[in-house]
Amino acid sequence: MTRSRRAVRWLQPGLVVKRWMLTSGIGLLIALLGAAIWADLQPIYWILETVRWCLGQVTRVLPRGITGPLVLLIGGGMLWLGQSRSFGTIQQALAPEKDTVLVDALVAQRRLNRGPNIVAIGGGTGLSTLLSGLKRYSSNITAIVTVADDGGSSGVLRRELGVQPPGDIRNCLAALSTEEPLLTRLFQYRFRAGSGLEGHSFGNLFLSALTAITGSLEAAITASSRVLAVQGQVVPATNADVRLWAELENGERIEGESRIGKATSPIVRLGCLPERPPAVPRALEAIAHADLIVLGPGSLYTSLLPNLLVPELVSAIRRSRAPRLYVCNLMTQPGETDGLDVTGHLRAIEAQLASLGVEERLFDAVLAQEKLEDSPLVESYRRRGAEPVLCDVRALRSQGYEVMLAPLQGARPTATLRHDPRSVALAVMRFYRKHVRHRGEG
């Protein structure tokens, strides 16, 4: 039954297989006809005479009512055997260790290729979580990633080698990878010992080496994308060596992404050096062709807002007619978003844009977590200074925001309160389909 279903699936339109098989068959017949014409049509006469003689001999032994169906079954069986073995051989050559049947893979790839052009903007683990969920719905994904990280392995490589921080980019490449899990695990592997190696991930070292070889982080990302069979593309927000600074409510000014995340006073203003860094052209092109633009989830001041310090990116988003969605965090982050609810997060985004002279809202739709009930896990976060990010739906809608609530942490109990890739991607796609439907009705 399963085989018959798969055989029927080959008849589905859009697989781009049947048309080329038909083209090959017609081409073979035309080639044979050309050879026959060249030979003064004699081969055609010989073939027709041979076929007539064979049919005559067969029908003498068995009646026509039996011979016809029998020959038809033999021919159909040989055709089925030849095609199934051919596709099986192709499957073994393309993916010998994968269990996916070729027709299923082609159907899935066709669906992904027809998916919307999604631009996801951010950084950190939040963006990679979103990407690993969205790749189930589209292969036309562009991740625009902040390059302001100066802590951990990325910070060390940045200071010692003069390269842009590769950590967030590495996470996004791994999230969009369709290659074997072992290769992805290798890319994410972090050395736990070794003089000079401890704390570094293999992927960070790989990207840094490729940057030195190719001359740019963009070229290194492209090469890594081929190795990992990345579904979509990962693009840095800027090629400039960006360093963040923040002004705090107590008047203090601190520099460096790693220090901003541990601020001892509320952040009033965020900036960077050099000011107004240029955007990467591929990022601008992706935004221009986007069907959906998503900001977040991720650390507000160290993963999301640094992307909005690139004026060309902001201008491109303003020009885009695609629906725009902000995905808010589940919990506040001590030292960065203490006491902020969803409204506070949105005000911080608007204040950042206002500092660039942009008065309009770029993201007038927000996706937030449904109310989290008290639990031992929530209490554990509270003891560490984090609180659930509350959402006043009525107040936000009165201000003109479109608000969506969903169980973004997923249904399964986990040891951490983080976005579940499938849950957040499902909610994002529901938002997109709703807007496509409304646009069609309009």
Protein backbone atom coordinates (compact mmCIF):
# COMPACT_ATOMS: atom_id res chain seq x y z
CA MET A 1 0.00 0.00 0.00
CA THR A 2 2.84 2.37 0.86
CA ARG A 3 4.57 1.71 -2.46
CA SER A 4 1.38 2.34 -4.42
CA ARG A 5 0.91 5.65 -2.57
CA ARG A 6 4.47 6.68 -3.39
CA ALA A 7 3.92 5.70 -7.03
CA VAL A 8 0.88 7.99 -7.15
CA ARG A 9 2.94 10.82 -5.57
CA TRP A 10 5.21 10.74 -8.60
CA LEU A 11 2.20 11.96 -10.61
CA GLN A 12 1.87 15.13 -8.54
CA PRO A 13 2.55 18.33 -10.49
CA GLY A 14 5.62 20.41 -9.77
CA LEU A 15 8.21 17.68 -9.10
CA VAL A 16 10.03 18.58 -12.36
CA VAL A 17 10.66 14.90 -13.06
CA LYS A 18 7.87 13.73 -15.37
CA ARG A 19 8.43 16.49 -17.92
CA TRP A 20 12.09 15.59 -18.33
CA MET A 21 11.34 11.86 -18.53
CA LEU A 22 8.80 12.65 -21.27
CA THR A 23 11.32 14.93 -22.99
CA SER A 24 13.91 12.15 -22.91
CA GLY A 25 11.44 9.63 -24.38
CA ILE A 26 10.40 11.96 -27.18
CA GLY A 27 14.06 12.77 -27.84
CA LEU A 28 14.88 9.07 -28.15
CA LEU A 29 12.07 8.54 -30.66
CA ILE A 30 13.15 11.57 -32.72
CA ALA A 31 16.78 10.38 -32.69
CA LEU A 32 15.71 6.93 -33.92
CA LEU A 33 13.53 8.53 -36.59
CA GLY A 34 16.47 10.66 -37.73
CA ALA A 35 18.71 7.59 -37.98
CA ALA A 36 16.02 5.76 -39.95
CA ILE A 37 15.60 8.65 -42.40
CA TRP A 38 19.35 8.79 -42.83
CA ALA A 39 19.26 5.05 -43.72
CA ASP A 40 16.55 5.63 -46.32
CA LEU A 41 13.81 4.38 -43.94
CA GLN A 42 14.98 0.78 -44.29
CA PRO A 43 15.34 0.21 -40.49
CA ILE A 44 11.70 1.23 -40.01
CA TYR A 45 10.57 -1.33 -42.58
CA TRP A 46 12.72 -4.00 -40.92
CA ILE A 47 11.38 -3.20 -37.46
CA LEU A 48 7.76 -3.19 -38.62
CA GLU A 49 8.26 -6.48 -40.44
CA THR A 50 9.93 -8.04 -37.38
CA VAL A 51 7.14 -6.84 -35.07
CA ARG A 52 4.47 -8.17 -37.46
CA TRP A 53 6.19 -11.55 -37.64
CA CYS A 54 6.61 -11.78 -33.84
CA LEU A 55 2.97 -10.84 -33.21
CA GLY A 56 1.85 -13.41 -35.74
CA GLN A 57 3.87 -16.16 -34.03
CA VAL A 58 2.63 -15.23 -30.57
CA THR A 59 -1.05 -15.04 -31.54
CA ARG A 60 -0.81 -18.49 -33.10
CA VAL A 61 0.15 -19.96 -29.70
CA LEU A 62 -2.20 -17.89 -27.50
CA PRO A 63 -5.43 -16.07 -28.39
CA ARG A 64 -5.35 -12.30 -28.75
CA GLY A 65 -7.45 -11.75 -25.59
CA ILE A 66 -4.69 -13.33 -23.50
CA THR A 67 -1.62 -12.19 -25.46
CA GLY A 68 -2.45 -8.48 -25.34
CA PRO A 69 -2.89 -8.14 -21.53
CA LEU A 70 0.08 -10.45 -20.94
CA VAL A 71 2.45 -8.41 -23.11
CA LEU A 72 1.07 -5.20 -21.56
CA LEU A 73 1.75 -6.51 -18.03
CA ILE A 74 5.29 -7.62 -18.95
CA GLY A 75 6.08 -4.24 -20.49
CA GLY A 76 4.58 -2.34 -17.54
CA GLY A 77 6.46 -4.52 -15.07
CA MET A 78 9.77 -3.95 -16.83
CA LEU A 79 9.08 -0.19 -16.93
CA TRP A 80 8.24 -0.11 -13.19
CA LEU A 81 11.29 -2.21 -12.31
CA GLY A 82 13.64 -0.05 -14.38
CA GLN A 83 12.33 3.24 -13.02
CA SER A 84 12.21 2.11 -9.38
CA ARG A 85 15.76 0.77 -9.55
CA SER A 86 16.93 3.95 -11.30
CA PHE A 87 15.43 6.23 -8.65
CA GLY A 88 16.72 3.92 -5.91
CA THR A 89 20.23 4.21 -7.34
CA ILE A 90 19.89 8.01 -7.48
CA GLN A 91 18.70 8.04 -3.86
CA GLN A 92 21.70 5.96 -2.76
CA ALA A 93 24.07 8.26 -4.62
CA LEU A 94 22.58 11.47 -3.19
CA ALA A 95 21.95 10.39 0.40
CA PRO A 96 23.17 6.87 1.14
CA GLU A 97 22.66 7.17 4.90
CA LYS A 98 19.29 8.89 4.88
CA ASP A 99 16.01 6.99 5.13
CA THR A 100 13.99 9.54 3.18
CA VAL A 101 12.44 8.14 0.01
CA LEU A 102 13.34 10.16 -3.08
CA VAL A 103 9.77 11.10 -4.00
CA ASP A 104 9.11 12.24 -0.42
CA ALA A 105 12.26 14.35 -0.48
CA LEU A 106 11.26 15.92 -3.82
CA VAL A 107 7.75 16.70 -2.57
CA ALA A 108 9.14 18.24 0.62
CA GLN A 109 11.71 20.27 -1.31
CA ARG A 110 9.05 21.56 -3.69
CA ARG A 111 6.98 22.73 -0.71
CA LEU A 112 9.98 24.45 0.88
CA ASN A 113 10.99 26.11 -2.39
CA ARG A 114 7.51 27.60 -2.64
CA GLY A 115 7.68 28.93 0.91
CA PRO A 116 7.66 32.68 1.61
CA ASN A 117 10.76 34.86 1.59
CA ILE A 118 11.37 35.33 5.30
CA VAL A 119 13.89 37.77 6.76
CA ALA A 120 14.74 37.09 10.40
CA ILE A 121 16.75 39.79 12.22
CA GLY A 122 18.56 39.32 15.52
CA GLY A 123 21.35 37.33 17.11
CA GLY A 124 22.21 35.02 19.96
CA THR A 125 20.41 31.77 20.69
CA GLY A 126 16.99 33.36 20.11
CA LEU A 127 17.52 33.84 16.39
CA SER A 128 18.97 30.36 15.86
CA THR A 129 15.97 28.89 17.73
CA LEU A 130 13.57 30.69 15.40
CA LEU A 131 15.51 29.60 12.30
CA SER A 132 15.54 25.93 13.25
CA GLY A 133 11.73 26.09 13.41
CA LEU A 134 11.15 28.21 10.29
CA LYS A 135 13.21 25.92 8.03
CA ARG A 136 10.29 23.46 8.22
CA TYR A 137 8.17 25.94 6.29
CA SER A 138 10.49 27.58 3.75
CA SER A 139 13.91 27.35 2.21
CA ASN A 140 13.80 31.06 1.30
CA ILE A 141 15.10 32.31 4.65
CA THR A 142 17.60 35.09 5.24
CA ALA A 143 19.05 35.55 8.72
CA ILE A 144 20.49 39.04 9.31
CA VAL A 145 22.82 38.69 12.28
CA THR A 146 24.40 41.24 14.60
CA VAL A 147 28.22 41.33 14.68
CA ALA A 148 28.68 43.31 17.91
CA ASP A 149 29.58 40.38 20.21
CA ASP A 150 32.81 40.91 22.15
CA GLY A 151 32.59 38.21 24.82
CA GLY A 152 33.57 34.54 25.08
CA SER A 153 35.22 32.74 22.18
CA SER A 154 34.01 35.32 19.65
CA GLY A 155 35.53 38.17 21.68
CA VAL A 156 38.90 36.44 21.96
CA LEU A 157 39.04 35.74 18.20
CA ARG A 158 37.95 39.29 17.50
CA ARG A 159 40.72 40.78 19.64
CA GLU A 160 43.53 38.41 18.65
CA LEU A 161 42.77 37.86 14.94
CA GLY A 162 40.94 41.06 14.07
CA VAL A 163 37.97 39.15 12.60
CA GLN A 164 34.30 39.91 13.09
CA PRO A 165 32.73 37.83 15.89
CA PRO A 166 31.62 34.50 14.37
CA GLY A 167 29.60 33.04 17.29
CA ASP A 168 26.06 34.16 16.42
CA ILE A 169 26.67 33.45 12.74
CA ARG A 170 27.89 29.95 13.60
CA ASN A 171 24.69 29.26 15.55
CA CYS A 172 22.52 30.41 12.64
CA LEU A 173 24.44 28.30 10.11
CA ALA A 174 24.02 25.25 12.33
CA ALA A 175 20.30 25.99 12.78
CA LEU A 176 19.69 26.18 9.00
CA SER A 177 21.91 23.22 8.16
CA THR A 178 20.32 20.24 6.38
CA GLU A 179 23.52 18.18 6.41
CA GLU A 180 24.22 15.16 8.57
CA PRO A 181 23.74 15.84 12.32
CA LEU A 182 27.31 14.71 13.03
CA LEU A 183 28.73 17.49 10.85
CA THR A 184 26.52 20.06 12.58
CA ARG A 185 27.62 18.76 16.00
CA LEU A 186 31.23 19.10 14.87
CA PHE A 187 30.58 22.73 13.86
CA GLN A 188 29.09 23.42 17.31
CA TYR A 189 31.72 21.46 19.25
CA ARG A 190 33.41 23.48 22.00
CA PHE A 191 36.87 22.52 23.25
CA ARG A 192 36.92 21.87 27.00
CA ALA A 193 40.70 21.66 27.37
CA GLY A 194 43.91 22.58 25.61
CA SER A 195 46.14 25.61 25.94
CA GLY A 196 44.64 28.32 23.76
CA LEU A 197 41.79 26.08 22.60
CA GLU A 198 39.70 25.83 25.75
CA GLY A 199 36.40 27.66 25.39
CA HIS A 200 36.59 27.96 21.60
CA SER A 201 34.08 26.21 19.35
CA PHE A 202 35.24 24.43 16.21
CA GLY A 203 32.83 26.48 14.11
CA ASN A 204 34.26 29.77 15.38
CA LEU A 205 37.79 28.66 14.50
CA PHE A 206 36.59 27.36 11.13
CA LEU A 207 34.86 30.63 10.23
CA SER A 208 37.83 32.70 11.42
CA ALA A 209 40.23 30.64 9.32
CA LEU A 210 37.96 30.90 6.27
CA THR A 211 37.70 34.67 6.79
CA ALA A 212 41.50 34.91 6.67
CA ILE A 213 41.64 32.69 3.56
CA THR A 214 38.79 34.30 1.59
CA GLY A 215 39.38 37.86 2.79
CA SER A 216 35.88 38.53 4.17
CA LEU A 217 33.36 37.11 6.59
CA GLU A 218 30.72 37.11 3.84
CA ALA A 219 32.81 34.79 1.66
CA ALA A 220 33.55 32.58 4.68
CA ILE A 221 29.83 32.28 5.43
CA THR A 222 29.10 31.35 1.80
CA ALA A 223 31.74 28.62 1.86
CA SER A 224 30.50 27.30 5.22
CA SER A 225 26.93 27.31 3.90
CA ARG A 226 27.94 24.94 1.12
CA VAL A 227 29.66 22.60 3.57
CA LEU A 228 26.64 22.49 5.89
CA ALA A 229 24.03 22.50 3.06
CA VAL A 230 22.38 25.55 4.62
CA GLN A 231 18.71 26.08 3.77
CA GLY A 232 18.60 29.79 3.04
CA GLN A 233 21.36 32.30 3.76
CA VAL A 234 23.04 33.92 6.74
CA VAL A 235 24.18 37.53 6.33
CA PRO A 236 26.00 39.83 8.80
CA ALA A 237 24.19 43.12 9.39
CA THR A 238 27.35 45.06 8.51
CA ASN A 239 30.96 44.43 7.53
CA ALA A 240 32.16 47.18 9.88
CA ASP A 241 34.02 46.40 13.12
CA VAL A 242 31.12 47.53 15.33
CA ARG A 243 31.54 48.19 19.05
CA LEU A 244 28.51 48.97 21.18
CA TRP A 245 28.15 51.61 23.87
CA ALA A 246 25.24 52.38 26.18
CA GLU A 247 24.19 55.32 28.34
CA LEU A 248 22.60 54.30 31.62
CA GLU A 249 19.94 56.03 33.66
CA ASN A 250 22.52 56.89 36.37
CA GLY A 251 24.55 58.84 33.80
CA GLU A 252 27.25 56.20 33.36
CA ARG A 253 28.43 55.23 29.88
CA ILE A 254 29.66 51.67 29.31
CA GLU A 255 31.25 50.12 26.24
CA GLY A 256 31.20 46.58 24.91
CA GLU A 257 28.36 44.14 24.31
CA SER A 258 29.44 41.87 27.16
CA ARG A 259 29.35 44.76 29.68
CA ILE A 260 26.01 46.12 28.44
CA GLY A 261 24.38 42.78 29.23
CA LYS A 262 25.42 43.26 32.86
CA ALA A 263 24.39 46.90 33.29
CA THR A 264 23.75 47.98 36.88
CA SER A 265 21.25 50.68 35.89
CA PRO A 266 18.47 50.82 33.24
CA ILE A 267 19.72 51.51 29.71
CA VAL A 268 18.62 54.85 28.29
CA ARG A 269 20.38 54.95 24.94
CA LEU A 270 22.36 52.56 22.74
CA GLY A 271 24.93 53.46 20.12
CA CYS A 272 27.93 52.10 18.30
CA LEU A 273 31.33 52.99 16.92
CA PRO A 274 31.71 53.67 14.08
CA GLU A 275 28.41 55.52 13.87
CA ARG A 276 26.01 54.69 11.05
CA PRO A 277 27.83 51.54 9.83
CA PRO A 278 27.03 50.48 6.25
CA ALA A 279 24.74 47.52 5.61
CA VAL A 280 25.73 44.43 3.68
CA PRO A 281 24.11 44.66 0.19
CA ARG A 282 22.74 41.10 0.38
CA ALA A 283 20.84 42.03 3.55
CA LEU A 284 19.23 45.01 1.80
CA GLU A 285 18.32 42.86 -1.19
CA ALA A 286 16.73 40.22 1.05
CA ILE A 287 14.60 42.85 2.82
CA ALA A 288 13.50 44.32 -0.52
CA HIS A 289 12.16 40.90 -1.63
CA ALA A 290 10.80 39.82 1.76
CA ASP A 291 7.28 38.47 2.25
CA LEU A 292 7.72 38.59 6.02
CA ILE A 293 10.17 40.39 8.33
CA VAL A 294 10.69 39.11 11.87
CA LEU A 295 12.68 40.80 14.66
CA GLY A 296 13.67 38.57 17.56
CA PRO A 297 13.49 36.73 19.80
CA GLY A 298 16.72 37.61 21.57
CA SER A 299 18.42 39.93 24.03
CA LEU A 300 16.87 43.35 23.44
CA TYR A 301 19.94 45.59 23.76
CA THR A 302 22.70 43.20 22.71
CA SER A 303 21.11 41.06 19.97
CA LEU A 304 18.18 42.98 18.45
CA LEU A 305 18.76 46.73 18.70
CA PRO A 306 22.36 46.58 17.36
CA ASN A 307 20.87 45.64 13.97
CA LEU A 308 18.75 48.81 14.08
CA LEU A 309 21.93 50.89 14.50
CA VAL A 310 22.55 50.25 10.78
CA PRO A 311 20.55 53.07 9.11
CA GLU A 312 20.40 51.38 5.70
CA LEU A 313 18.72 48.34 7.24
CA VAL A 314 16.15 50.57 8.95
CA SER A 315 15.45 52.41 5.68
CA ALA A 316 15.05 49.12 3.80
CA ILE A 317 12.56 47.85 6.41
CA ARG A 318 10.61 51.12 6.17
CA ARG A 319 10.34 50.73 2.38
CA SER A 320 9.24 47.10 2.57
CA ARG A 321 5.53 46.32 2.23
CA ALA A 322 5.94 42.94 3.95
CA PRO A 323 4.21 42.35 7.30
CA ARG A 324 6.61 42.90 10.21
CA LEU A 325 6.51 41.01 13.47
CA TYR A 326 8.39 41.45 16.73
CA VAL A 327 8.79 38.25 18.78
CA CYS A 328 9.18 39.15 22.45
CA ASN A 329 11.22 37.21 25.02
CA LEU A 330 9.59 34.94 27.59
CA MET A 331 11.57 36.25 30.58
CA THR A 332 13.29 39.49 31.50
CA GLN A 333 17.10 39.49 31.52
CA PRO A 334 18.83 40.71 34.69
CA GLY A 335 20.91 43.79 34.00
CA GLU A 336 19.37 44.37 30.57
CA THR A 337 15.57 44.35 30.67
CA ASP A 338 14.76 44.34 34.40
CA GLY A 339 11.11 45.22 35.00
CA LEU A 340 10.20 45.57 31.31
CA ASP A 341 6.92 44.14 30.05
CA VAL A 342 6.06 43.74 26.35
CA THR A 343 5.13 47.42 26.17
CA GLY A 344 8.52 48.35 27.64
CA HIS A 345 10.31 46.25 25.02
CA LEU A 346 8.37 47.95 22.22
CA ARG A 347 9.08 51.41 23.67
CA ALA A 348 12.80 50.61 23.72
CA ILE A 349 12.64 49.69 20.02
CA GLU A 350 10.73 52.87 19.20
CA ALA A 351 13.20 54.99 21.21
CA GLN A 352 16.09 53.43 19.32
CA LEU A 353 14.45 54.26 15.99
CA ALA A 354 13.66 57.80 17.17
CA SER A 355 17.37 58.34 17.85
CA LEU A 356 17.88 57.72 14.11
CA GLY A 357 15.13 60.20 13.23
CA VAL A 358 12.53 57.50 12.48
CA GLU A 359 9.22 58.44 14.08
CA GLU A 360 7.04 55.72 12.53
CA ARG A 361 6.73 52.22 13.93
CA LEU A 362 8.64 49.57 12.07
CA PHE A 363 7.09 46.68 13.98
CA ASP A 364 3.41 47.21 14.74
CA ALA A 365 2.67 43.53 15.40
CA VAL A 366 3.99 41.59 18.39
CA LEU A 367 4.05 37.90 19.25
CA ALA A 368 4.24 37.21 22.99
CA GLN A 369 3.99 34.31 25.40
CA GLU A 370 0.68 33.42 26.96
CA LYS A 371 0.60 34.05 30.71
CA LEU A 372 3.05 31.71 32.43
CA GLU A 373 1.57 30.05 35.47
CA ASP A 374 3.63 29.91 38.64
CA SER A 375 5.82 26.82 38.80
CA PRO A 376 9.07 25.67 40.40
CA LEU A 377 10.84 26.57 37.16
CA VAL A 378 9.46 30.13 37.16
CA GLU A 379 10.41 30.48 40.83
CA SER A 380 13.93 29.29 39.98
CA TYR A 381 14.21 32.11 37.42
CA ARG A 382 12.86 34.64 39.93
CA ARG A 383 15.59 33.71 42.39
CA ARG A 384 18.10 34.63 39.68
CA GLY A 385 16.43 38.00 39.06
CA ALA A 386 14.30 37.16 35.99
CA GLU A 387 10.53 37.60 35.71
CA PRO A 388 7.99 36.55 33.05
CA VAL A 389 7.52 39.28 30.44
CA LEU A 390 3.89 40.34 30.97
CA CYS A 391 1.68 41.43 28.09
CA ASP A 392 -1.18 43.90 28.54
CA VAL A 393 -3.09 42.99 25.39
CA ARG A 394 -5.84 45.57 25.81
CA ALA A 395 -3.41 48.47 26.32
CA LEU A 396 -1.27 47.49 23.34
CA ARG A 397 -4.26 47.11 21.03
CA SER A 398 -5.55 50.51 22.14
CA GLN A 399 -2.20 51.91 20.96
CA GLY A 400 -2.67 50.33 17.53
CA TYR A 401 -0.53 47.23 17.95
CA GLU A 402 -1.58 43.87 16.60
CA VAL A 403 -1.02 41.37 19.42
CA MET A 404 -0.73 37.59 19.19
CA LEU A 405 -0.40 35.35 22.23
CA ALA A 406 0.78 31.75 21.95
CA PRO A 407 2.40 29.02 24.08
CA LEU A 408 5.87 29.77 22.75
CA GLN A 409 7.72 27.68 25.33
CA GLY A 410 6.15 24.49 23.90
CA ALA A 411 4.00 21.80 25.47
CA ARG A 412 6.77 19.56 26.79
CA PRO A 413 8.28 20.33 30.20
CA THR A 414 11.88 21.55 29.96
CA ALA A 415 14.65 22.57 32.34
CA THR A 416 14.71 26.12 30.92
CA LEU A 417 12.17 28.73 29.91
CA ARG A 418 13.07 29.33 26.29
CA HIS A 419 11.27 29.50 22.99
CA ASP A 420 10.47 26.12 21.48
CA PRO A 421 11.51 26.12 17.79
CA ARG A 422 8.35 24.42 16.51
CA SER A 423 5.96 26.45 18.65
CA VAL A 424 7.40 29.86 17.79
CA ALA A 425 7.72 29.00 14.07
CA LEU A 426 4.10 27.78 13.98
CA ALA A 427 2.89 31.03 15.56
CA VAL A 428 4.97 33.12 13.13
CA MET A 429 3.58 31.24 10.13
CA ARG A 430 0.02 31.67 11.41
CA PHE A 431 0.65 35.40 11.57
CA TYR A 432 2.00 35.36 8.00
CA ARG A 433 -0.92 33.32 6.59
CA LYS A 434 -3.41 35.59 8.30
CA HIS A 435 -1.88 38.63 6.59
CA VAL A 436 -1.70 36.87 3.22
CA ARG A 437 -5.38 35.95 3.56
CA HIS A 438 -6.35 39.51 4.48
CA ARG A 439 -4.30 40.87 1.57
CA GLY A 440 -6.11 38.49 -0.79
CA GLU A 441 -9.49 39.54 0.55
CA GLY A 442 -8.52 43.18 0.19
